[in-house]
Amino acid sequence: PVEQQGRMTHRQILEALSGMLLAMFVAFLSSTVVSNALPTIIT
């Protein structure tokens, strides 16, 4: 388990990163998806 490791393997890091990267994708997507819509929204 990760809690018992001094260093994670490459596979474990990629697995752990999957959820975090998707979370970042949600944040950036939800931010940038508005940028081109703003002129329409404000109008």
PDB file of all heavy atoms in Angstrom:
ATOM      1  N   PRO A   1       0.831  -1.202   0.000  1.00  0.00           N
ATOM      2  CA  PRO A   1       0.000   0.000   0.000  1.00  0.00           C
ATOM      3  C   PRO A   1       0.863   1.247   0.000  1.00  0.00           C
ATOM      4  O   PRO A   1       1.985   1.241   0.494  1.00  0.00           O
ATOM      5  CB  PRO A   1      -0.794  -0.124   1.314  1.00  0.00           C
ATOM      6  CG  PRO A   1      -0.760  -1.574   1.645  1.00  0.00           C
ATOM      7  CD  PRO A   1       0.546  -2.084   1.131  1.00  0.00           C
ATOM      8  N   VAL A   2       0.288   2.300  -0.523  1.00  0.00           N
ATOM      9  CA  VAL A   2       1.057   3.538  -0.650  1.00  0.00           C
ATOM     10  C   VAL A   2       1.547   4.027   0.698  1.00  0.00           C
ATOM     11  O   VAL A   2       2.648   4.551   0.829  1.00  0.00           O
ATOM     12  CB  VAL A   2       0.196   4.623  -1.338  1.00  0.00           C
ATOM     13  CG1 VAL A   2       0.920   5.949  -1.373  1.00  0.00           C
ATOM     14  CG2 VAL A   2      -0.172   4.189  -2.741  1.00  0.00           C
ATOM     15  N   GLU A   3       0.714   3.879   1.753  1.00  0.00           N
ATOM     16  CA  GLU A   3       1.102   4.374   3.066  1.00  0.00           C
ATOM     17  C   GLU A   3       2.357   3.700   3.591  1.00  0.00           C
ATOM     18  O   GLU A   3       3.026   4.223   4.473  1.00  0.00           O
ATOM     19  CB  GLU A   3      -0.038   4.162   4.071  1.00  0.00           C
ATOM     20  CG  GLU A   3      -1.239   5.067   3.843  1.00  0.00           C
ATOM     21  CD  GLU A   3      -2.182   4.510   2.796  1.00  0.00           C
ATOM     22  OE1 GLU A   3      -1.839   3.487   2.166  1.00  0.00           O
ATOM     23  OE2 GLU A   3      -3.248   5.089   2.603  1.00  0.00           O
ATOM     24  N   GLN A   4       2.713   2.490   3.075  1.00  0.00           N
ATOM     25  CA  GLN A   4       3.865   1.751   3.557  1.00  0.00           C
ATOM     26  C   GLN A   4       5.083   1.957   2.676  1.00  0.00           C
ATOM     27  O   GLN A   4       6.127   1.402   2.949  1.00  0.00           O
ATOM     28  CB  GLN A   4       3.530   0.252   3.612  1.00  0.00           C
ATOM     29  CG  GLN A   4       2.407  -0.071   4.589  1.00  0.00           C
ATOM     30  CD  GLN A   4       2.095  -1.546   4.589  1.00  0.00           C
ATOM     31  OE1 GLN A   4       2.745  -2.328   3.913  1.00  0.00           O
ATOM     32  NE2 GLN A   4       1.089  -1.928   5.361  1.00  0.00           N
ATOM     33  N   GLN A   5       4.941   2.750   1.638  1.00  0.00           N
ATOM     34  CA  GLN A   5       6.027   2.877   0.687  1.00  0.00           C
ATOM     35  C   GLN A   5       6.837   4.139   0.910  1.00  0.00           C
ATOM     36  O   GLN A   5       6.308   5.180   1.253  1.00  0.00           O
ATOM     37  CB  GLN A   5       5.483   2.920  -0.747  1.00  0.00           C
ATOM     38  CG  GLN A   5       4.842   1.622  -1.171  1.00  0.00           C
ATOM     39  CD  GLN A   5       4.442   1.690  -2.611  1.00  0.00           C
ATOM     40  OE1 GLN A   5       5.193   2.165  -3.438  1.00  0.00           O
ATOM     41  NE2 GLN A   5       3.260   1.224  -2.900  1.00  0.00           N
ATOM     42  N   GLY A   6       8.124   4.023   0.684  1.00  0.00           N
ATOM     43  CA  GLY A   6       8.951   5.212   0.639  1.00  0.00           C
ATOM     44  C   GLY A   6       8.889   5.839  -0.732  1.00  0.00           C
ATOM     45  O   GLY A   6       9.074   7.030  -0.878  1.00  0.00           O
ATOM     46  N   ARG A   7       8.642   5.026  -1.746  1.00  0.00           N
ATOM     47  CA  ARG A   7       8.592   5.530  -3.123  1.00  0.00           C
ATOM     48  C   ARG A   7       7.562   4.733  -3.903  1.00  0.00           C
ATOM     49  O   ARG A   7       7.549   3.512  -3.861  1.00  0.00           O
ATOM     50  CB  ARG A   7       9.977   5.389  -3.770  1.00  0.00           C
ATOM     51  CG  ARG A   7      10.075   6.010  -5.152  1.00  0.00           C
ATOM     52  CD  ARG A   7      11.468   5.776  -5.715  1.00  0.00           C
ATOM     53  NE  ARG A   7      12.487   6.366  -4.878  1.00  0.00           N
ATOM     54  CZ  ARG A   7      12.890   7.638  -4.984  1.00  0.00           C
ATOM     55  NH1 ARG A   7      12.343   8.432  -5.883  1.00  0.00           N
ATOM     56  NH2 ARG A   7      13.828   8.115  -4.195  1.00  0.00           N
ATOM     57  N   MET A   8       6.693   5.407  -4.629  1.00  0.00           N
ATOM     58  CA  MET A   8       5.651   4.751  -5.411  1.00  0.00           C
ATOM     59  C   MET A   8       6.211   4.318  -6.758  1.00  0.00           C
ATOM     60  O   MET A   8       7.116   4.955  -7.301  1.00  0.00           O
ATOM     61  CB  MET A   8       4.476   5.700  -5.614  1.00  0.00           C
ATOM     62  CG  MET A   8       3.756   6.080  -4.333  1.00  0.00           C
ATOM     63  SD  MET A   8       2.543   7.403  -4.578  1.00  0.00           S
ATOM     64  CE  MET A   8       1.371   6.605  -5.675  1.00  0.00           C
ATOM     65  N   THR A   9       5.650   3.233  -7.290  1.00  0.00           N
ATOM     66  CA  THR A   9       6.060   2.790  -8.618  1.00  0.00           C
ATOM     67  C   THR A   9       5.427   3.696  -9.676  1.00  0.00           C
ATOM     68  O   THR A   9       4.485   4.437  -9.402  1.00  0.00           O
ATOM     69  CB  THR A   9       5.616   1.338  -8.874  1.00  0.00           C
ATOM     70  OG1 THR A   9       4.181   1.295  -8.900  1.00  0.00           O
ATOM     71  CG2 THR A   9       6.145   0.416  -7.781  1.00  0.00           C
ATOM     72  N   HIS A  10       5.955   3.590 -10.896  1.00  0.00           N
ATOM     73  CA  HIS A  10       5.443   4.406 -11.996  1.00  0.00           C
ATOM     74  C   HIS A  10       3.961   4.125 -12.231  1.00  0.00           C
ATOM     75  O   HIS A  10       3.166   5.053 -12.433  1.00  0.00           O
ATOM     76  CB  HIS A  10       6.253   4.102 -13.252  1.00  0.00           C
ATOM     77  CG  HIS A  10       5.780   4.837 -14.479  1.00  0.00           C
ATOM     78  ND1 HIS A  10       5.781   6.210 -14.571  1.00  0.00           N
ATOM     79  CD2 HIS A  10       5.278   4.378 -15.667  1.00  0.00           C
ATOM     80  CE1 HIS A  10       5.315   6.580 -15.752  1.00  0.00           C
ATOM     81  NE2 HIS A  10       4.999   5.486 -16.438  1.00  0.00           N
ATOM     82  N   ARG A  11       3.577   2.856 -12.158  1.00  0.00           N
ATOM     83  CA  ARG A  11       2.176   2.495 -12.381  1.00  0.00           C
ATOM     84  C   ARG A  11       1.280   3.075 -11.296  1.00  0.00           C
ATOM     85  O   ARG A  11       0.198   3.601 -11.581  1.00  0.00           O
ATOM     86  CB  ARG A  11       2.034   0.970 -12.413  1.00  0.00           C
ATOM     87  CG  ARG A  11       0.600   0.507 -12.602  1.00  0.00           C
ATOM     88  CD  ARG A  11       0.526  -1.013 -12.683  1.00  0.00           C
ATOM     89  NE  ARG A  11      -0.856  -1.469 -12.778  1.00  0.00           N
ATOM     90  CZ  ARG A  11      -1.212  -2.745 -12.888  1.00  0.00           C
ATOM     91  NH1 ARG A  11      -0.284  -3.691 -12.924  1.00  0.00           N
ATOM     92  NH2 ARG A  11      -2.485  -3.075 -12.970  1.00  0.00           N
ATOM     93  N   GLN A  12       1.725   3.001 -10.040  1.00  0.00           N
ATOM     94  CA  GLN A  12       0.928   3.532  -8.940  1.00  0.00           C
ATOM     95  C   GLN A  12       0.773   5.049  -9.045  1.00  0.00           C
ATOM     96  O   GLN A  12      -0.280   5.598  -8.735  1.00  0.00           O
ATOM     97  CB  GLN A  12       1.567   3.153  -7.608  1.00  0.00           C
ATOM     98  CG  GLN A  12       1.439   1.664  -7.281  1.00  0.00           C
ATOM     99  CD  GLN A  12       2.314   1.270  -6.106  1.00  0.00           C
ATOM    100  OE1 GLN A  12       3.379   1.847  -5.884  1.00  0.00           O
ATOM    101  NE2 GLN A  12       1.879   0.270  -5.358  1.00  0.00           N
ATOM    102  N   ILE A  13       1.830   5.708  -9.482  1.00  0.00           N
ATOM    103  CA  ILE A  13       1.760   7.158  -9.662  1.00  0.00           C
ATOM    104  C   ILE A  13       0.751   7.508 -10.748  1.00  0.00           C
ATOM    105  O   ILE A  13      -0.074   8.415 -10.589  1.00  0.00           O
ATOM    106  CB  ILE A  13       3.146   7.732  -9.995  1.00  0.00           C
ATOM    107  CG1 ILE A  13       4.063   7.645  -8.765  1.00  0.00           C
ATOM    108  CG2 ILE A  13       3.039   9.190 -10.456  1.00  0.00           C
ATOM    109  CD1 ILE A  13       5.492   8.046  -9.049  1.00  0.00           C
ATOM    110  N   LEU A  14       0.797   6.773 -11.863  1.00  0.00           N
ATOM    111  CA  LEU A  14      -0.135   7.050 -12.959  1.00  0.00           C
ATOM    112  C   LEU A  14      -1.575   6.809 -12.520  1.00  0.00           C
ATOM    113  O   LEU A  14      -2.477   7.570 -12.867  1.00  0.00           O
ATOM    114  CB  LEU A  14       0.200   6.173 -14.172  1.00  0.00           C
ATOM    115  CG  LEU A  14       1.485   6.526 -14.919  1.00  0.00           C
ATOM    116  CD1 LEU A  14       1.712   5.554 -16.077  1.00  0.00           C
ATOM    117  CD2 LEU A  14       1.425   7.956 -15.457  1.00  0.00           C
ATOM    118  N   GLU A  15      -1.801   5.747 -11.744  1.00  0.00           N
ATOM    119  CA  GLU A  15      -3.153   5.468 -11.256  1.00  0.00           C
ATOM    120  C   GLU A  15      -3.630   6.586 -10.337  1.00  0.00           C
ATOM    121  O   GLU A  15      -4.772   7.049 -10.420  1.00  0.00           O
ATOM    122  CB  GLU A  15      -3.177   4.129 -10.517  1.00  0.00           C
ATOM    123  CG  GLU A  15      -3.030   2.913 -11.436  1.00  0.00           C
ATOM    124  CD  GLU A  15      -2.976   1.610 -10.659  1.00  0.00           C
ATOM    125  OE1 GLU A  15      -2.841   1.676  -9.415  1.00  0.00           O
ATOM    126  OE2 GLU A  15      -3.059   0.534 -11.284  1.00  0.00           O
ATOM    127  N   ALA A  16      -2.741   7.034  -9.443  1.00  0.00           N
ATOM    128  CA  ALA A  16      -3.118   8.095  -8.521  1.00  0.00           C
ATOM    129  C   ALA A  16      -3.343   9.418  -9.244  1.00  0.00           C
ATOM    130  O   ALA A  16      -4.205  10.218  -8.862  1.00  0.00           O
ATOM    131  CB  ALA A  16      -2.036   8.270  -7.452  1.00  0.00           C
ATOM    132  N   LEU A  17      -2.562   9.628 -10.309  1.00  0.00           N
ATOM    133  CA  LEU A  17      -2.697  10.870 -11.057  1.00  0.00           C
ATOM    134  C   LEU A  17      -3.977  10.919 -11.883  1.00  0.00           C
ATOM    135  O   LEU A  17      -4.446  12.013 -12.221  1.00  0.00           O
ATOM    136  CB  LEU A  17      -1.494  11.062 -11.992  1.00  0.00           C
ATOM    137  CG  LEU A  17      -0.190  11.557 -11.367  1.00  0.00           C
ATOM    138  CD1 LEU A  17       0.900  11.620 -12.423  1.00  0.00           C
ATOM    139  CD2 LEU A  17      -0.379  12.922 -10.731  1.00  0.00           C
ATOM    140  N   SER A  18      -4.544   9.762 -12.228  1.00  0.00           N
ATOM    141  CA  SER A  18      -5.690   9.742 -13.143  1.00  0.00           C
ATOM    142  C   SER A  18      -6.847  10.587 -12.619  1.00  0.00           C
ATOM    143  O   SER A  18      -7.411  11.420 -13.342  1.00  0.00           O
ATOM    144  CB  SER A  18      -6.152   8.303 -13.377  1.00  0.00           C
ATOM    145  OG  SER A  18      -6.552   7.693 -12.155  1.00  0.00           O
ATOM    146  N   GLY A  19      -7.208  10.391 -11.346  1.00  0.00           N
ATOM    147  CA  GLY A  19      -8.305  11.168 -10.787  1.00  0.00           C
ATOM    148  C   GLY A  19      -7.961  12.641 -10.647  1.00  0.00           C
ATOM    149  O   GLY A  19      -8.791  13.514 -10.909  1.00  0.00           O
ATOM    150  N   MET A  20      -6.708  12.925 -10.240  1.00  0.00           N
ATOM    151  CA  MET A  20      -6.310  14.325 -10.061  1.00  0.00           C
ATOM    152  C   MET A  20      -6.268  15.067 -11.390  1.00  0.00           C
ATOM    153  O   MET A  20      -6.692  16.226 -11.487  1.00  0.00           O
ATOM    154  CB  MET A  20      -4.949  14.398  -9.370  1.00  0.00           C
ATOM    155  CG  MET A  20      -4.976  13.949  -7.921  1.00  0.00           C
ATOM    156  SD  MET A  20      -3.463  14.403  -7.043  1.00  0.00           S
ATOM    157  CE  MET A  20      -2.255  13.423  -7.906  1.00  0.00           C
ATOM    158  N   LEU A  21      -5.749  14.405 -12.415  1.00  0.00           N
ATOM    159  CA  LEU A  21      -5.681  15.060 -13.720  1.00  0.00           C
ATOM    160  C   LEU A  21      -7.075  15.292 -14.292  1.00  0.00           C
ATOM    161  O   LEU A  21      -7.325  16.308 -14.942  1.00  0.00           O
ATOM    162  CB  LEU A  21      -4.840  14.213 -14.684  1.00  0.00           C
ATOM    163  CG  LEU A  21      -3.344  14.133 -14.358  1.00  0.00           C
ATOM    164  CD1 LEU A  21      -2.629  13.241 -15.369  1.00  0.00           C
ATOM    165  CD2 LEU A  21      -2.707  15.515 -14.339  1.00  0.00           C
ATOM    166  N   LEU A  22      -7.986  14.340 -14.052  1.00  0.00           N
ATOM    167  CA  LEU A  22      -9.363  14.545 -14.511  1.00  0.00           C
ATOM    168  C   LEU A  22     -10.017  15.702 -13.750  1.00  0.00           C
ATOM    169  O   LEU A  22     -10.775  16.486 -14.324  1.00  0.00           O
ATOM    170  CB  LEU A  22     -10.176  13.266 -14.338  1.00  0.00           C
ATOM    171  CG  LEU A  22     -11.596  13.299 -14.919  1.00  0.00           C
ATOM    172  CD1 LEU A  22     -11.560  13.641 -16.411  1.00  0.00           C
ATOM    173  CD2 LEU A  22     -12.303  11.968 -14.702  1.00  0.00           C
ATOM    174  N   ALA A  23      -9.693  15.812 -12.450  1.00  0.00           N
ATOM    175  CA  ALA A  23     -10.211  16.936 -11.671  1.00  0.00           C
ATOM    176  C   ALA A  23      -9.693  18.260 -12.237  1.00  0.00           C
ATOM    177  O   ALA A  23     -10.445  19.243 -12.359  1.00  0.00           O
ATOM    178  CB  ALA A  23      -9.804  16.791 -10.205  1.00  0.00           C
ATOM    179  N   MET A  24      -8.402  18.302 -12.588  1.00  0.00           N
ATOM    180  CA  MET A  24      -7.851  19.508 -13.190  1.00  0.00           C
ATOM    181  C   MET A  24      -8.499  19.770 -14.546  1.00  0.00           C
ATOM    182  O   MET A  24      -8.751  20.920 -14.925  1.00  0.00           O
ATOM    183  CB  MET A  24      -6.335  19.368 -13.354  1.00  0.00           C
ATOM    184  CG  MET A  24      -5.564  19.528 -12.068  1.00  0.00           C
ATOM    185  SD  MET A  24      -5.696  21.186 -11.350  1.00  0.00           S
ATOM    186  CE  MET A  24      -4.649  22.106 -12.462  1.00  0.00           C
ATOM    187  N   PHE A  25      -8.779  18.697 -15.285  1.00  0.00           N
ATOM    188  CA  PHE A  25      -9.443  18.850 -16.582  1.00  0.00           C
ATOM    189  C   PHE A  25     -10.814  19.489 -16.400  1.00  0.00           C
ATOM    190  O   PHE A  25     -11.204  20.370 -17.166  1.00  0.00           O
ATOM    191  CB  PHE A  25      -9.571  17.480 -17.251  1.00  0.00           C
ATOM    192  CG  PHE A  25     -10.263  17.523 -18.589  1.00  0.00           C
ATOM    193  CD1 PHE A  25      -9.599  17.978 -19.704  1.00  0.00           C
ATOM    194  CD2 PHE A  25     -11.587  17.116 -18.719  1.00  0.00           C
ATOM    195  CE1 PHE A  25     -10.229  18.022 -20.941  1.00  0.00           C
ATOM    196  CE2 PHE A  25     -12.223  17.148 -19.937  1.00  0.00           C
ATOM    197  CZ  PHE A  25     -11.547  17.611 -21.055  1.00  0.00           C
ATOM    198  N   VAL A  26     -11.541  19.039 -15.371  1.00  0.00           N
ATOM    199  CA  VAL A  26     -12.854  19.625 -15.089  1.00  0.00           C
ATOM    200  C   VAL A  26     -12.721  21.116 -14.806  1.00  0.00           C
ATOM    201  O   VAL A  26     -13.477  21.944 -15.328  1.00  0.00           O
ATOM    202  CB  VAL A  26     -13.513  18.915 -13.887  1.00  0.00           C
ATOM    203  CG1 VAL A  26     -14.750  19.664 -13.424  1.00  0.00           C
ATOM    204  CG2 VAL A  26     -13.876  17.488 -14.255  1.00  0.00           C
ATOM    205  N   ALA A  27     -11.730  21.469 -13.979  1.00  0.00           N
ATOM    206  CA  ALA A  27     -11.556  22.870 -13.601  1.00  0.00           C
ATOM    207  C   ALA A  27     -11.212  23.732 -14.807  1.00  0.00           C
ATOM    208  O   ALA A  27     -11.828  24.780 -15.040  1.00  0.00           O
ATOM    209  CB  ALA A  27     -10.469  22.988 -12.537  1.00  0.00           C
ATOM    210  N   PHE A  28     -10.236  23.298 -15.589  1.00  0.00           N
ATOM    211  CA  PHE A  28      -9.821  24.092 -16.742  1.00  0.00           C
ATOM    212  C   PHE A  28     -10.904  24.113 -17.821  1.00  0.00           C
ATOM    213  O   PHE A  28     -11.124  25.139 -18.463  1.00  0.00           O
ATOM    214  CB  PHE A  28      -8.506  23.549 -17.316  1.00  0.00           C
ATOM    215  CG  PHE A  28      -7.292  24.035 -16.591  1.00  0.00           C
ATOM    216  CD1 PHE A  28      -6.661  23.246 -15.648  1.00  0.00           C
ATOM    217  CD2 PHE A  28      -6.772  25.293 -16.853  1.00  0.00           C
ATOM    218  CE1 PHE A  28      -5.551  23.696 -14.968  1.00  0.00           C
ATOM    219  CE2 PHE A  28      -5.657  25.751 -16.185  1.00  0.00           C
ATOM    220  CZ  PHE A  28      -5.036  24.950 -15.239  1.00  0.00           C
ATOM    221  N   LEU A  29     -11.562  22.968 -18.033  1.00  0.00           N
ATOM    222  CA  LEU A  29     -12.628  22.922 -19.030  1.00  0.00           C
ATOM    223  C   LEU A  29     -13.760  23.875 -18.652  1.00  0.00           C
ATOM    224  O   LEU A  29     -14.237  24.652 -19.479  1.00  0.00           O
ATOM    225  CB  LEU A  29     -13.161  21.495 -19.166  1.00  0.00           C
ATOM    226  CG  LEU A  29     -14.287  21.308 -20.183  1.00  0.00           C
ATOM    227  CD1 LEU A  29     -13.748  21.445 -21.598  1.00  0.00           C
ATOM    228  CD2 LEU A  29     -14.963  19.942 -20.016  1.00  0.00           C
ATOM    229  N   SER A  30     -14.176  23.806 -17.383  1.00  0.00           N
ATOM    230  CA  SER A  30     -15.281  24.649 -16.955  1.00  0.00           C
ATOM    231  C   SER A  30     -14.913  26.129 -16.965  1.00  0.00           C
ATOM    232  O   SER A  30     -15.790  26.989 -17.034  1.00  0.00           O
ATOM    233  CB  SER A  30     -15.733  24.237 -15.550  1.00  0.00           C
ATOM    234  OG  SER A  30     -16.190  22.909 -15.550  1.00  0.00           O
ATOM    235  N   SER A  31     -13.618  26.427 -16.888  1.00  0.00           N
ATOM    236  CA  SER A  31     -13.173  27.815 -16.959  1.00  0.00           C
ATOM    237  C   SER A  31     -13.076  28.286 -18.401  1.00  0.00           C
ATOM    238  O   SER A  31     -13.584  29.351 -18.758  1.00  0.00           O
ATOM    239  CB  SER A  31     -11.819  27.973 -16.257  1.00  0.00           C
ATOM    240  OG  SER A  31     -11.894  27.613 -14.910  1.00  0.00           O
ATOM    241  N   THR A  32     -12.422  27.478 -19.240  1.00  0.00           N
ATOM    242  CA  THR A  32     -12.178  27.920 -20.617  1.00  0.00           C
ATOM    243  C   THR A  32     -13.417  27.802 -21.490  1.00  0.00           C
ATOM    244  O   THR A  32     -13.521  28.504 -22.496  1.00  0.00           O
ATOM    245  CB  THR A  32     -11.043  27.099 -21.251  1.00  0.00           C
ATOM    246  OG1 THR A  32     -11.396  25.698 -21.228  1.00  0.00           O
ATOM    247  CG2 THR A  32      -9.742  27.275 -20.490  1.00  0.00           C
ATOM    248  N   VAL A  33     -14.362  26.916 -21.120  1.00  0.00           N
ATOM    249  CA  VAL A  33     -15.551  26.747 -21.942  1.00  0.00           C
ATOM    250  C   VAL A  33     -16.390  28.021 -21.939  1.00  0.00           C
ATOM    251  O   VAL A  33     -17.181  28.272 -22.850  1.00  0.00           O
ATOM    252  CB  VAL A  33     -16.387  25.542 -21.440  1.00  0.00           C
ATOM    253  CG1 VAL A  33     -17.148  25.900 -20.176  1.00  0.00           C
ATOM    254  CG2 VAL A  33     -17.329  25.036 -22.511  1.00  0.00           C
ATOM    255  N   VAL A  34     -16.191  28.862 -20.918  1.00  0.00           N
ATOM    256  CA  VAL A  34     -16.958  30.099 -20.805  1.00  0.00           C
ATOM    257  C   VAL A  34     -16.334  31.228 -21.623  1.00  0.00           C
ATOM    258  O   VAL A  34     -17.019  32.163 -22.024  1.00  0.00           O
ATOM    259  CB  VAL A  34     -17.068  30.513 -19.318  1.00  0.00           C
ATOM    260  CG1 VAL A  34     -17.850  31.812 -19.161  1.00  0.00           C
ATOM    261  CG2 VAL A  34     -17.738  29.406 -18.514  1.00  0.00           C
ATOM    262  N   SER A  35     -15.025  31.135 -21.898  1.00  0.00           N
ATOM    263  CA  SER A  35     -14.309  32.271 -22.483  1.00  0.00           C
ATOM    264  C   SER A  35     -14.904  32.724 -23.813  1.00  0.00           C
ATOM    265  O   SER A  35     -15.172  33.911 -24.005  1.00  0.00           O
ATOM    266  CB  SER A  35     -12.824  31.918 -22.650  1.00  0.00           C
ATOM    267  OG  SER A  35     -12.680  30.795 -23.510  1.00  0.00           O
ATOM    268  N   ASN A  36     -15.132  31.797 -24.719  1.00  0.00           N
ATOM    269  CA  ASN A  36     -15.701  32.174 -26.016  1.00  0.00           C
ATOM    270  C   ASN A  36     -17.199  32.439 -25.947  1.00  0.00           C
ATOM    271  O   ASN A  36     -17.770  33.016 -26.870  1.00  0.00           O
ATOM    272  CB  ASN A  36     -15.425  31.079 -27.059  1.00  0.00           C
ATOM    273  CG  ASN A  36     -14.052  31.225 -27.670  1.00  0.00           C
ATOM    274  OD1 ASN A  36     -13.409  32.272 -27.557  1.00  0.00           O
ATOM    275  ND2 ASN A  36     -13.573  30.178 -28.307  1.00  0.00           N
ATOM    276  N   ALA A  37     -17.834  32.003 -24.847  1.00  0.00           N
ATOM    277  CA  ALA A  37     -19.269  32.256 -24.699  1.00  0.00           C
ATOM    278  C   ALA A  37     -19.546  33.608 -24.054  1.00  0.00           C
ATOM    279  O   ALA A  37     -20.672  34.113 -24.130  1.00  0.00           O
ATOM    280  CB  ALA A  37     -19.909  31.148 -23.859  1.00  0.00           C
ATOM    281  N   LEU A  38     -18.535  34.204 -23.421  1.00  0.00           N
ATOM    282  CA  LEU A  38     -18.765  35.442 -22.678  1.00  0.00           C
ATOM    283  C   LEU A  38     -19.338  36.578 -23.526  1.00  0.00           C
ATOM    284  O   LEU A  38     -20.268  37.271 -23.077  1.00  0.00           O
ATOM    285  CB  LEU A  38     -17.472  35.900 -21.991  1.00  0.00           C
ATOM    286  CG  LEU A  38     -17.290  35.454 -20.538  1.00  0.00           C
ATOM    287  CD1 LEU A  38     -15.988  35.996 -19.968  1.00  0.00           C
ATOM    288  CD2 LEU A  38     -18.465  35.885 -19.682  1.00  0.00           C
ATOM    289  N   PRO A  39     -18.818  36.840 -24.738  1.00  0.00           N
ATOM    290  CA  PRO A  39     -19.442  37.899 -25.539  1.00  0.00           C
ATOM    291  C   PRO A  39     -20.938  37.669 -25.760  1.00  0.00           C
ATOM    292  O   PRO A  39     -21.740  38.606 -25.684  1.00  0.00           O
ATOM    293  CB  PRO A  39     -18.654  37.837 -26.853  1.00  0.00           C
ATOM    294  CG  PRO A  39     -17.313  37.320 -26.462  1.00  0.00           C
ATOM    295  CD  PRO A  39     -17.600  36.307 -25.395  1.00  0.00           C
ATOM    296  N   THR A  40     -21.322  36.404 -26.011  1.00  0.00           N
ATOM    297  CA  THR A  40     -22.743  36.084 -26.190  1.00  0.00           C
ATOM    298  C   THR A  40     -23.514  36.250 -24.885  1.00  0.00           C
ATOM    299  O   THR A  40     -24.638  36.779 -24.866  1.00  0.00           O
ATOM    300  CB  THR A  40     -22.900  34.638 -26.700  1.00  0.00           C
ATOM    301  OG1 THR A  40     -22.191  34.493 -27.930  1.00  0.00           O
ATOM    302  CG2 THR A  40     -24.358  34.289 -26.910  1.00  0.00           C
ATOM    303  N   ILE A  41     -22.916  35.788 -23.769  1.00  0.00           N
ATOM    304  CA  ILE A  41     -23.588  35.890 -22.470  1.00  0.00           C
ATOM    305  C   ILE A  41     -23.836  37.354 -22.106  1.00  0.00           C
ATOM    306  O   ILE A  41     -24.946  37.730 -21.705  1.00  0.00           O
ATOM    307  CB  ILE A  41     -22.731  35.210 -21.374  1.00  0.00           C
ATOM    308  CG1 ILE A  41     -22.635  33.703 -21.632  1.00  0.00           C
ATOM    309  CG2 ILE A  41     -23.312  35.476 -19.991  1.00  0.00           C
ATOM    310  CD1 ILE A  41     -21.658  32.988 -20.714  1.00  0.00           C
ATOM    311  N   ILE A  42     -22.797  38.181 -22.235  1.00  0.00           N
ATOM    312  CA  ILE A  42     -22.926  39.593 -21.863  1.00  0.00           C
ATOM    313  C   ILE A  42     -23.918  40.306 -22.777  1.00  0.00           C
ATOM    314  O   ILE A  42     -24.737  41.122 -22.326  1.00  0.00           O
ATOM    315  CB  ILE A  42     -21.552  40.283 -21.912  1.00  0.00           C
ATOM    316  CG1 ILE A  42     -20.603  39.657 -20.883  1.00  0.00           C
ATOM    317  CG2 ILE A  42     -21.687  41.775 -21.662  1.00  0.00           C
ATOM    318  CD1 ILE A  42     -21.081  39.782 -19.460  1.00  0.00           C
ATOM    319  N   THR A  43     -23.882  39.976 -24.059  1.00  0.00           N
ATOM    320  CA  THR A  43     -24.839  40.595 -24.985  1.00  0.00           C
ATOM    321  C   THR A  43     -26.266  40.157 -24.671  1.00  0.00           C
ATOM    322  O   THR A  43     -27.194  40.968 -24.660  1.00  0.00           O
ATOM    323  CB  THR A  43     -24.485  40.220 -26.438  1.00  0.00           C
ATOM    324  OG1 THR A  43     -23.151  40.641 -26.725  1.00  0.00           O
ATOM    325  CG2 THR A  43     -25.429  40.895 -27.419  1.00  0.00           C
TER     326      THR A  43
END
